[in-house]
PDB file of N, CA and C in Angstrom:
ATOM      1  N   MET A   1       0.851  -1.181   0.000  1.00  0.00           N
ATOM      2  CA  MET A   1       0.000   0.000   0.000  1.00  0.00           C
ATOM      3  C   MET A   1       0.890   1.235   0.000  1.00  0.00           C
ATOM      4  N   GLY A   2       0.312   2.324  -0.435  1.00  0.00           N
ATOM      5  CA  GLY A   2       1.063   3.559  -0.478  1.00  0.00           C
ATOM      6  C   GLY A   2       0.211   4.716  -0.012  1.00  0.00           C
ATOM      7  N   TYR A   3       0.476   5.858  -0.608  1.00  0.00           N
ATOM      8  CA  TYR A   3      -0.252   7.070  -0.257  1.00  0.00           C
ATOM      9  C   TYR A   3      -1.579   7.152  -0.997  1.00  0.00           C
ATOM     10  N   SER A   4      -2.580   7.691  -0.309  1.00  0.00           N
ATOM     11  CA  SER A   4      -3.879   8.004  -0.899  1.00  0.00           C
ATOM     12  C   SER A   4      -4.227   9.428  -0.497  1.00  0.00           C
ATOM     13  N   LEU A   5      -4.642  10.217  -1.468  1.00  0.00           N
ATOM     14  CA  LEU A   5      -5.011  11.605  -1.220  1.00  0.00           C
ATOM     15  C   LEU A   5      -6.479  11.786  -1.561  1.00  0.00           C
ATOM     16  N   TYR A   6      -7.248  12.248  -0.588  1.00  0.00           N
ATOM     17  CA  TYR A   6      -8.665  12.508  -0.795  1.00  0.00           C
ATOM     18  C   TYR A   6      -8.863  14.009  -0.936  1.00  0.00           C
ATOM     19  N   THR A   7      -9.537  14.390  -2.011  1.00  0.00           N
ATOM     20  CA  THR A   7      -9.781  15.798  -2.306  1.00  0.00           C
ATOM     21  C   THR A   7     -11.275  16.020  -2.490  1.00  0.00           C
ATOM     22  N   THR A   8     -11.656  17.266  -2.600  1.00  0.00           N
ATOM     23  CA  THR A   8     -13.050  17.601  -2.845  1.00  0.00           C
ATOM     24  C   THR A   8     -13.118  18.792  -3.797  1.00  0.00           C
ATOM     25  N   ASP A   9     -14.287  19.031  -4.350  1.00  0.00           N
ATOM     26  CA  ASP A   9     -14.485  20.139  -5.287  1.00  0.00           C
ATOM     27  C   ASP A   9     -14.384  21.484  -4.583  1.00  0.00           C
ATOM     28  N   HIS A  10     -14.016  22.492  -5.349  1.00  0.00           N
ATOM     29  CA  HIS A  10     -13.978  23.874  -4.867  1.00  0.00           C
ATOM     30  C   HIS A  10     -13.113  24.013  -3.616  1.00  0.00           C
ATOM     31  N   CYS A  11     -11.954  23.386  -3.645  1.00  0.00           N
ATOM     32  CA  CYS A  11     -11.062  23.343  -2.486  1.00  0.00           C
ATOM     33  C   CYS A  11      -9.693  23.877  -2.907  1.00  0.00           C
ATOM     34  N   HIS A  12      -9.385  25.089  -2.478  1.00  0.00           N
ATOM     35  CA  HIS A  12      -8.106  25.701  -2.856  1.00  0.00           C
ATOM     36  C   HIS A  12      -6.927  24.880  -2.334  1.00  0.00           C
ATOM     37  N   ALA A  13      -6.995  24.443  -1.090  1.00  0.00           N
ATOM     38  CA  ALA A  13      -5.903  23.651  -0.511  1.00  0.00           C
ATOM     39  C   ALA A  13      -5.696  22.356  -1.292  1.00  0.00           C
ATOM     40  N   CYS A  14      -6.785  21.760  -1.766  1.00  0.00           N
ATOM     41  CA  CYS A  14      -6.672  20.537  -2.572  1.00  0.00           C
ATOM     42  C   CYS A  14      -5.913  20.825  -3.861  1.00  0.00           C
ATOM     43  N   SER A  15      -6.223  21.939  -4.495  1.00  0.00           N
ATOM     44  CA  SER A  15      -5.538  22.323  -5.731  1.00  0.00           C
ATOM     45  C   SER A  15      -4.051  22.549  -5.493  1.00  0.00           C
ATOM     46  N   VAL A  16      -3.716  23.176  -4.381  1.00  0.00           N
ATOM     47  CA  VAL A  16      -2.314  23.430  -4.041  1.00  0.00           C
ATOM     48  C   VAL A  16      -1.562  22.110  -3.878  1.00  0.00           C
ATOM     49  N   VAL A  17      -2.147  21.171  -3.157  1.00  0.00           N
ATOM     50  CA  VAL A  17      -1.498  19.872  -2.935  1.00  0.00           C
ATOM     51  C   VAL A  17      -1.385  19.099  -4.243  1.00  0.00           C
ATOM     52  N   LEU A  18      -2.432  19.088  -5.041  1.00  0.00           N
ATOM     53  CA  LEU A  18      -2.384  18.374  -6.319  1.00  0.00           C
ATOM     54  C   LEU A  18      -1.292  18.941  -7.224  1.00  0.00           C
ATOM     55  N   GLU A  19      -1.148  20.250  -7.237  1.00  0.00           N
ATOM     56  CA  GLU A  19      -0.096  20.881  -8.040  1.00  0.00           C
ATOM     57  C   GLU A  19       1.284  20.474  -7.521  1.00  0.00           C
ATOM     58  N   TYR A  20       1.461  20.463  -6.215  1.00  0.00           N
ATOM     59  CA  TYR A  20       2.742  20.068  -5.617  1.00  0.00           C
ATOM     60  C   TYR A  20       3.071  18.613  -5.944  1.00  0.00           C
ATOM     61  N   VAL A  21       2.099  17.734  -5.787  1.00  0.00           N
ATOM     62  CA  VAL A  21       2.296  16.308  -6.055  1.00  0.00           C
ATOM     63  C   VAL A  21       2.708  16.094  -7.512  1.00  0.00           C
ATOM     64  N   GLU A  22       2.047  16.799  -8.413  1.00  0.00           N
ATOM     65  CA  GLU A  22       2.380  16.680  -9.836  1.00  0.00           C
ATOM     66  C   GLU A  22       3.781  17.224 -10.110  1.00  0.00           C
ATOM     67  N   GLN A  23       4.084  18.371  -9.551  1.00  0.00           N
ATOM     68  CA  GLN A  23       5.383  19.017  -9.761  1.00  0.00           C
ATOM     69  C   GLN A  23       6.531  18.146  -9.244  1.00  0.00           C
ATOM     70  N   GLU A  24       6.314  17.465  -8.133  1.00  0.00           N
ATOM     71  CA  GLU A  24       7.357  16.645  -7.515  1.00  0.00           C
ATOM     72  C   GLU A  24       7.325  15.185  -7.981  1.00  0.00           C
ATOM     73  N   ASN A  25       6.410  14.864  -8.889  1.00  0.00           N
ATOM     74  CA  ASN A  25       6.271  13.496  -9.410  1.00  0.00           C
ATOM     75  C   ASN A  25       6.107  12.464  -8.296  1.00  0.00           C
ATOM     76  N   ILE A  26       5.238  12.760  -7.357  1.00  0.00           N
ATOM     77  CA  ILE A  26       4.986  11.855  -6.236  1.00  0.00           C
ATOM     78  C   ILE A  26       3.949  10.823  -6.665  1.00  0.00           C
ATOM     79  N   ASN A  27       4.274   9.563  -6.443  1.00  0.00           N
ATOM     80  CA  ASN A  27       3.373   8.469  -6.790  1.00  0.00           C
ATOM     81  C   ASN A  27       2.295   8.365  -5.711  1.00  0.00           C
ATOM     82  N   ILE A  28       1.077   8.712  -6.077  1.00  0.00           N
ATOM     83  CA  ILE A  28      -0.009   8.777  -5.103  1.00  0.00           C
ATOM     84  C   ILE A  28      -1.340   8.521  -5.803  1.00  0.00           C
ATOM     85  N   GLU A  29      -2.233   7.827  -5.121  1.00  0.00           N
ATOM     86  CA  GLU A  29      -3.587   7.624  -5.630  1.00  0.00           C
ATOM     87  C   GLU A  29      -4.438   8.805  -5.164  1.00  0.00           C
ATOM     88  N   VAL A  30      -5.145   9.427  -6.097  1.00  0.00           N
ATOM     89  CA  VAL A  30      -5.990  10.573  -5.768  1.00  0.00           C
ATOM     90  C   VAL A  30      -7.445  10.153  -5.897  1.00  0.00           C
ATOM     91  N   TYR A  31      -8.214  10.458  -4.856  1.00  0.00           N
ATOM     92  CA  TYR A  31      -9.630  10.113  -4.825  1.00  0.00           C
ATOM     93  C   TYR A  31     -10.465  11.371  -4.627  1.00  0.00           C
ATOM     94  N   PRO A  32     -11.038  11.895  -5.713  1.00  0.00           N
ATOM     95  CA  PRO A  32     -11.964  13.018  -5.550  1.00  0.00           C
ATOM     96  C   PRO A  32     -13.205  12.508  -4.818  1.00  0.00           C
ATOM     97  N   THR A  33     -13.668  13.252  -3.854  1.00  0.00           N
ATOM     98  CA  THR A  33     -14.820  12.815  -3.072  1.00  0.00           C
ATOM     99  C   THR A  33     -15.698  14.008  -2.733  1.00  0.00           C
ATOM    100  N   HIS A  34     -16.899  13.724  -2.316  1.00  0.00           N
ATOM    101  CA  HIS A  34     -17.800  14.777  -1.862  1.00  0.00           C
ATOM    102  C   HIS A  34     -17.670  14.883  -0.349  1.00  0.00           C
ATOM    103  N   ARG A  35     -17.868  16.060   0.172  1.00  0.00           N
ATOM    104  CA  ARG A  35     -17.697  16.259   1.615  1.00  0.00           C
ATOM    105  C   ARG A  35     -18.581  15.320   2.439  1.00  0.00           C
ATOM    106  N   LYS A  36     -19.747  14.984   1.932  1.00  0.00           N
ATOM    107  CA  LYS A  36     -20.625  14.097   2.697  1.00  0.00           C
ATOM    108  C   LYS A  36     -20.213  12.629   2.583  1.00  0.00           C
ATOM    109  N   ASP A  37     -19.381  12.301   1.596  1.00  0.00           N
ATOM    110  CA  ASP A  37     -18.897  10.927   1.414  1.00  0.00           C
ATOM    111  C   ASP A  37     -17.484  10.811   1.974  1.00  0.00           C
ATOM    112  N   ARG A  38     -17.350  11.066   3.240  1.00  0.00           N
ATOM    113  CA  ARG A  38     -16.024  11.110   3.853  1.00  0.00           C
ATOM    114  C   ARG A  38     -15.393   9.728   3.945  1.00  0.00           C
ATOM    115  N   PRO A  39     -14.124   9.648   3.569  1.00  0.00           N
ATOM    116  CA  PRO A  39     -13.411   8.383   3.750  1.00  0.00           C
ATOM    117  C   PRO A  39     -12.905   8.274   5.180  1.00  0.00           C
ATOM    118  N   HIS A  40     -12.958   7.122   5.735  1.00  0.00           N
ATOM    119  CA  HIS A  40     -12.367   6.868   7.048  1.00  0.00           C
ATOM    120  C   HIS A  40     -12.785   7.942   8.044  1.00  0.00           C
ATOM    121  N   ASP A  41     -11.801   8.564   8.692  1.00  0.00           N
ATOM    122  CA  ASP A  41     -12.073   9.590   9.691  1.00  0.00           C
ATOM    123  C   ASP A  41     -11.861  11.005   9.152  1.00  0.00           C
ATOM    124  N   ALA A  42     -11.717  11.139   7.857  1.00  0.00           N
ATOM    125  CA  ALA A  42     -11.419  12.453   7.283  1.00  0.00           C
ATOM    126  C   ALA A  42     -12.612  13.386   7.420  1.00  0.00           C
ATOM    127  N   PHE A  43     -12.345  14.586   7.909  1.00  0.00           N
ATOM    128  CA  PHE A  43     -13.381  15.608   7.961  1.00  0.00           C
ATOM    129  C   PHE A  43     -12.864  16.925   7.423  1.00  0.00           C
ATOM    130  N   VAL A  44     -11.578  16.961   7.076  1.00  0.00           N
ATOM    131  CA  VAL A  44     -10.945  18.125   6.475  1.00  0.00           C
ATOM    132  C   VAL A  44     -10.261  17.646   5.202  1.00  0.00           C
ATOM    133  N   PHE A  45     -10.358  18.442   4.155  1.00  0.00           N
ATOM    134  CA  PHE A  45      -9.737  18.074   2.887  1.00  0.00           C
ATOM    135  C   PHE A  45      -8.733  19.131   2.476  1.00  0.00           C
ATOM    136  N   PRO A  46      -7.670  18.748   1.809  1.00  0.00           N
ATOM    137  CA  PRO A  46      -7.298  17.400   1.423  1.00  0.00           C
ATOM    138  C   PRO A  46      -6.855  16.574   2.629  1.00  0.00           C
ATOM    139  N   ALA A  47      -6.999  15.264   2.494  1.00  0.00           N
ATOM    140  CA  ALA A  47      -6.601  14.341   3.554  1.00  0.00           C
ATOM    141  C   ALA A  47      -5.649  13.304   2.967  1.00  0.00           C
ATOM    142  N   LEU A  48      -4.511  13.126   3.615  1.00  0.00           N
ATOM    143  CA  LEU A  48      -3.494  12.189   3.145  1.00  0.00           C
ATOM    144  C   LEU A  48      -3.471  10.961   4.044  1.00  0.00           C
ATOM    145  N   PHE A  49      -3.601   9.806   3.418  1.00  0.00           N
ATOM    146  CA  PHE A  49      -3.543   8.533   4.127  1.00  0.00           C
ATOM    147  C   PHE A  49      -2.338   7.750   3.628  1.00  0.00           C
ATOM    148  N   LYS A  50      -1.761   6.967   4.509  1.00  0.00           N
ATOM    149  CA  LYS A  50      -0.727   6.010   4.112  1.00  0.00           C
ATOM    150  C   LYS A  50      -1.095   4.688   4.754  1.00  0.00           C
ATOM    151  N   ASP A  51      -1.234   3.678   3.910  1.00  0.00           N
ATOM    152  CA  ASP A  51      -1.631   2.353   4.389  1.00  0.00           C
ATOM    153  C   ASP A  51      -2.886   2.428   5.254  1.00  0.00           C
ATOM    154  N   GLU A  52      -3.882   3.167   4.766  1.00  0.00           N
ATOM    155  CA  GLU A  52      -5.190   3.290   5.419  1.00  0.00           C
ATOM    156  C   GLU A  52      -5.178   4.100   6.712  1.00  0.00           C
ATOM    157  N   LYS A  53      -4.073   4.767   7.024  1.00  0.00           N
ATOM    158  CA  LYS A  53      -3.989   5.570   8.243  1.00  0.00           C
ATOM    159  C   LYS A  53      -3.884   7.050   7.870  1.00  0.00           C
ATOM    160  N   LEU A  54      -4.720   7.874   8.487  1.00  0.00           N
ATOM    161  CA  LEU A  54      -4.666   9.316   8.264  1.00  0.00           C
ATOM    162  C   LEU A  54      -3.360   9.849   8.835  1.00  0.00           C
ATOM    163  N   ILE A  55      -2.545  10.490   7.974  1.00  0.00           N
ATOM    164  CA  ILE A  55      -1.261  10.998   8.458  1.00  0.00           C
ATOM    165  C   ILE A  55      -1.133  12.511   8.359  1.00  0.00           C
ATOM    166  N   ALA A  56      -1.952  13.151   7.523  1.00  0.00           N
ATOM    167  CA  ALA A  56      -1.882  14.611   7.408  1.00  0.00           C
ATOM    168  C   ALA A  56      -3.131  15.114   6.702  1.00  0.00           C
ATOM    169  N   TYR A  57      -3.465  16.371   6.978  1.00  0.00           N
ATOM    170  CA  TYR A  57      -4.560  17.007   6.258  1.00  0.00           C
ATOM    171  C   TYR A  57      -4.261  18.488   6.122  1.00  0.00           C
ATOM    172  N   GLY A  58      -4.846  19.092   5.094  1.00  0.00           N
ATOM    173  CA  GLY A  58      -4.567  20.489   4.794  1.00  0.00           C
ATOM    174  C   GLY A  58      -3.292  20.609   3.975  1.00  0.00           C
ATOM    175  N   ASP A  59      -3.191  21.678   3.204  1.00  0.00           N
ATOM    176  CA  ASP A  59      -2.053  21.804   2.298  1.00  0.00           C
ATOM    177  C   ASP A  59      -0.720  21.945   3.021  1.00  0.00           C
ATOM    178  N   ASP A  60      -0.651  22.724   4.079  1.00  0.00           N
ATOM    179  CA  ASP A  60       0.624  22.907   4.782  1.00  0.00           C
ATOM    180  C   ASP A  60       1.140  21.601   5.380  1.00  0.00           C
ATOM    181  N   ASP A  61       0.268  20.851   6.032  1.00  0.00           N
ATOM    182  CA  ASP A  61       0.688  19.594   6.656  1.00  0.00           C
ATOM    183  C   ASP A  61       1.100  18.547   5.627  1.00  0.00           C
ATOM    184  N   ILE A  62       0.330  18.437   4.555  1.00  0.00           N
ATOM    185  CA  ILE A  62       0.631  17.418   3.542  1.00  0.00           C
ATOM    186  C   ILE A  62       1.928  17.748   2.819  1.00  0.00           C
ATOM    187  N   ILE A  63       2.081  18.978   2.376  1.00  0.00           N
ATOM    188  CA  ILE A  63       3.323  19.361   1.696  1.00  0.00           C
ATOM    189  C   ILE A  63       4.497  19.242   2.663  1.00  0.00           C
ATOM    190  N   GLY A  64       4.302  19.647   3.899  1.00  0.00           N
ATOM    191  CA  GLY A  64       5.353  19.504   4.913  1.00  0.00           C
ATOM    192  C   GLY A  64       5.761  18.054   5.108  1.00  0.00           C
ATOM    193  N   HIS A  65       4.797  17.157   5.075  1.00  0.00           N
ATOM    194  CA  HIS A  65       5.093  15.728   5.204  1.00  0.00           C
ATOM    195  C   HIS A  65       6.013  15.269   4.075  1.00  0.00           C
ATOM    196  N   PHE A  66       5.683  15.656   2.846  1.00  0.00           N
ATOM    197  CA  PHE A  66       6.494  15.226   1.706  1.00  0.00           C
ATOM    198  C   PHE A  66       7.865  15.898   1.689  1.00  0.00           C
ATOM    199  N   VAL A  67       7.948  17.147   2.102  1.00  0.00           N
ATOM    200  CA  VAL A  67       9.245  17.835   2.173  1.00  0.00           C
ATOM    201  C   VAL A  67      10.141  17.127   3.190  1.00  0.00           C
ATOM    202  N   LYS A  68       9.582  16.793   4.341  1.00  0.00           N
ATOM    203  CA  LYS A  68      10.346  16.095   5.378  1.00  0.00           C
ATOM    204  C   LYS A  68      10.787  14.712   4.892  1.00  0.00           C
ATOM    205  N   ALA A  69       9.880  13.984   4.250  1.00  0.00           N
ATOM    206  CA  ALA A  69      10.209  12.646   3.743  1.00  0.00           C
ATOM    207  C   ALA A  69      11.312  12.721   2.693  1.00  0.00           C
ATOM    208  N   LYS A  70      11.258  13.727   1.838  1.00  0.00           N
ATOM    209  CA  LYS A  70      12.278  13.897   0.801  1.00  0.00           C
ATOM    210  C   LYS A  70      13.636  14.211   1.432  1.00  0.00           C
ATOM    211  N   ALA A  71      13.647  15.048   2.464  1.00  0.00           N
ATOM    212  CA  ALA A  71      14.898  15.411   3.139  1.00  0.00           C
ATOM    213  C   ALA A  71      15.515  14.201   3.832  1.00  0.00           C
ATOM    214  N   GLU A  72      14.683  13.325   4.372  1.00  0.00           N
ATOM    215  CA  GLU A  72      15.187  12.135   5.058  1.00  0.00           C
ATOM    216  C   GLU A  72      15.827  11.153   4.089  1.00  0.00           C
ATOM    217  N   VAL A  73      15.361  11.144   2.845  1.00  0.00           N
ATOM    218  CA  VAL A  73      15.893  10.235   1.832  1.00  0.00           C
ATOM    219  C   VAL A  73      17.247  10.717   1.325  1.00  0.00           C
ATOM    220  N   GLN A  74      17.433  12.017   1.281  1.00  0.00           N
ATOM    221  CA  GLN A  74      18.668  12.582   0.713  1.00  0.00           C
ATOM    222  C   GLN A  74      19.819  12.521   1.656  1.00  0.00           C
TER     223      GLN A  74
END
């Protein structure tokens, strides 16, 4: 399993994260969803899951997660 990103319509933070993921070529499954069709425990979008566990939400936290992960690899 890997990363899963849940987004919703009309969400600026979702657009920011999607742009970052594309720019950085991050391998991630993206699931557009409606706010009423919440996955798991997500109540804020975008929501980042890894192996079915919520690990970050919102653009700052999600991008920060990937920046930190990238720094640890280098």
